[in-house]
Amino acid sequence: MTNGSVKPPTWFWVVSVIALIWNLMGVGAYLAQAYTPDDIIAQMEQAMQDLVNSTPAWVTAAFAIAVWAGALGSLLLLLRKRLAHIVLILSFIGIVVQMFYNVFISNSIEVYGPGGLIMPIMTFLIGIGLIFFAKKGISAGWLK
């Protein structure tokens, strides 16, 4: 420990890599949703088309903030930077805004059915988990 830092355990690296993969999948989902060509949307069922076409820009922006900040926060975990905690909080705010709209304002549950709640709940819980994970990393001295 000559450089004054504490070496993280192996599970820290495993969780951080999984977090990065999870968030990169979110980035992929965002890009797929934000840049879906009109001809593809036209092939969807009418209820899905209505849902896609009625999504406000602020919800899409919240989605972008959630996934890009999540990916950056996960990368910062791997780089052992304490800034990861703040960036993951920002990501979580984006998650909350987007999921609030999707679950309580839009008719997405009607379109997707009750199974449409699984991903919002998972995303919410993982977002909270990553915040606490980063906080643990700071208190344990793994993040500088």
Foldseek 3Di string as FASTA:
>chain_A
DVVPFDADDPVLVVVLVVQLVVLVVLVVVLCCLVPPDPVVLVPDDPLSNCQSVPDDPVLSVLSVLLSVLSNVLSVLSVVQALCSLVSLVSNLVSLVVNVCCCPPPGCNCVVVPPVVVPVSVVSNVVSVVSNVSSVVSVVNRSHD
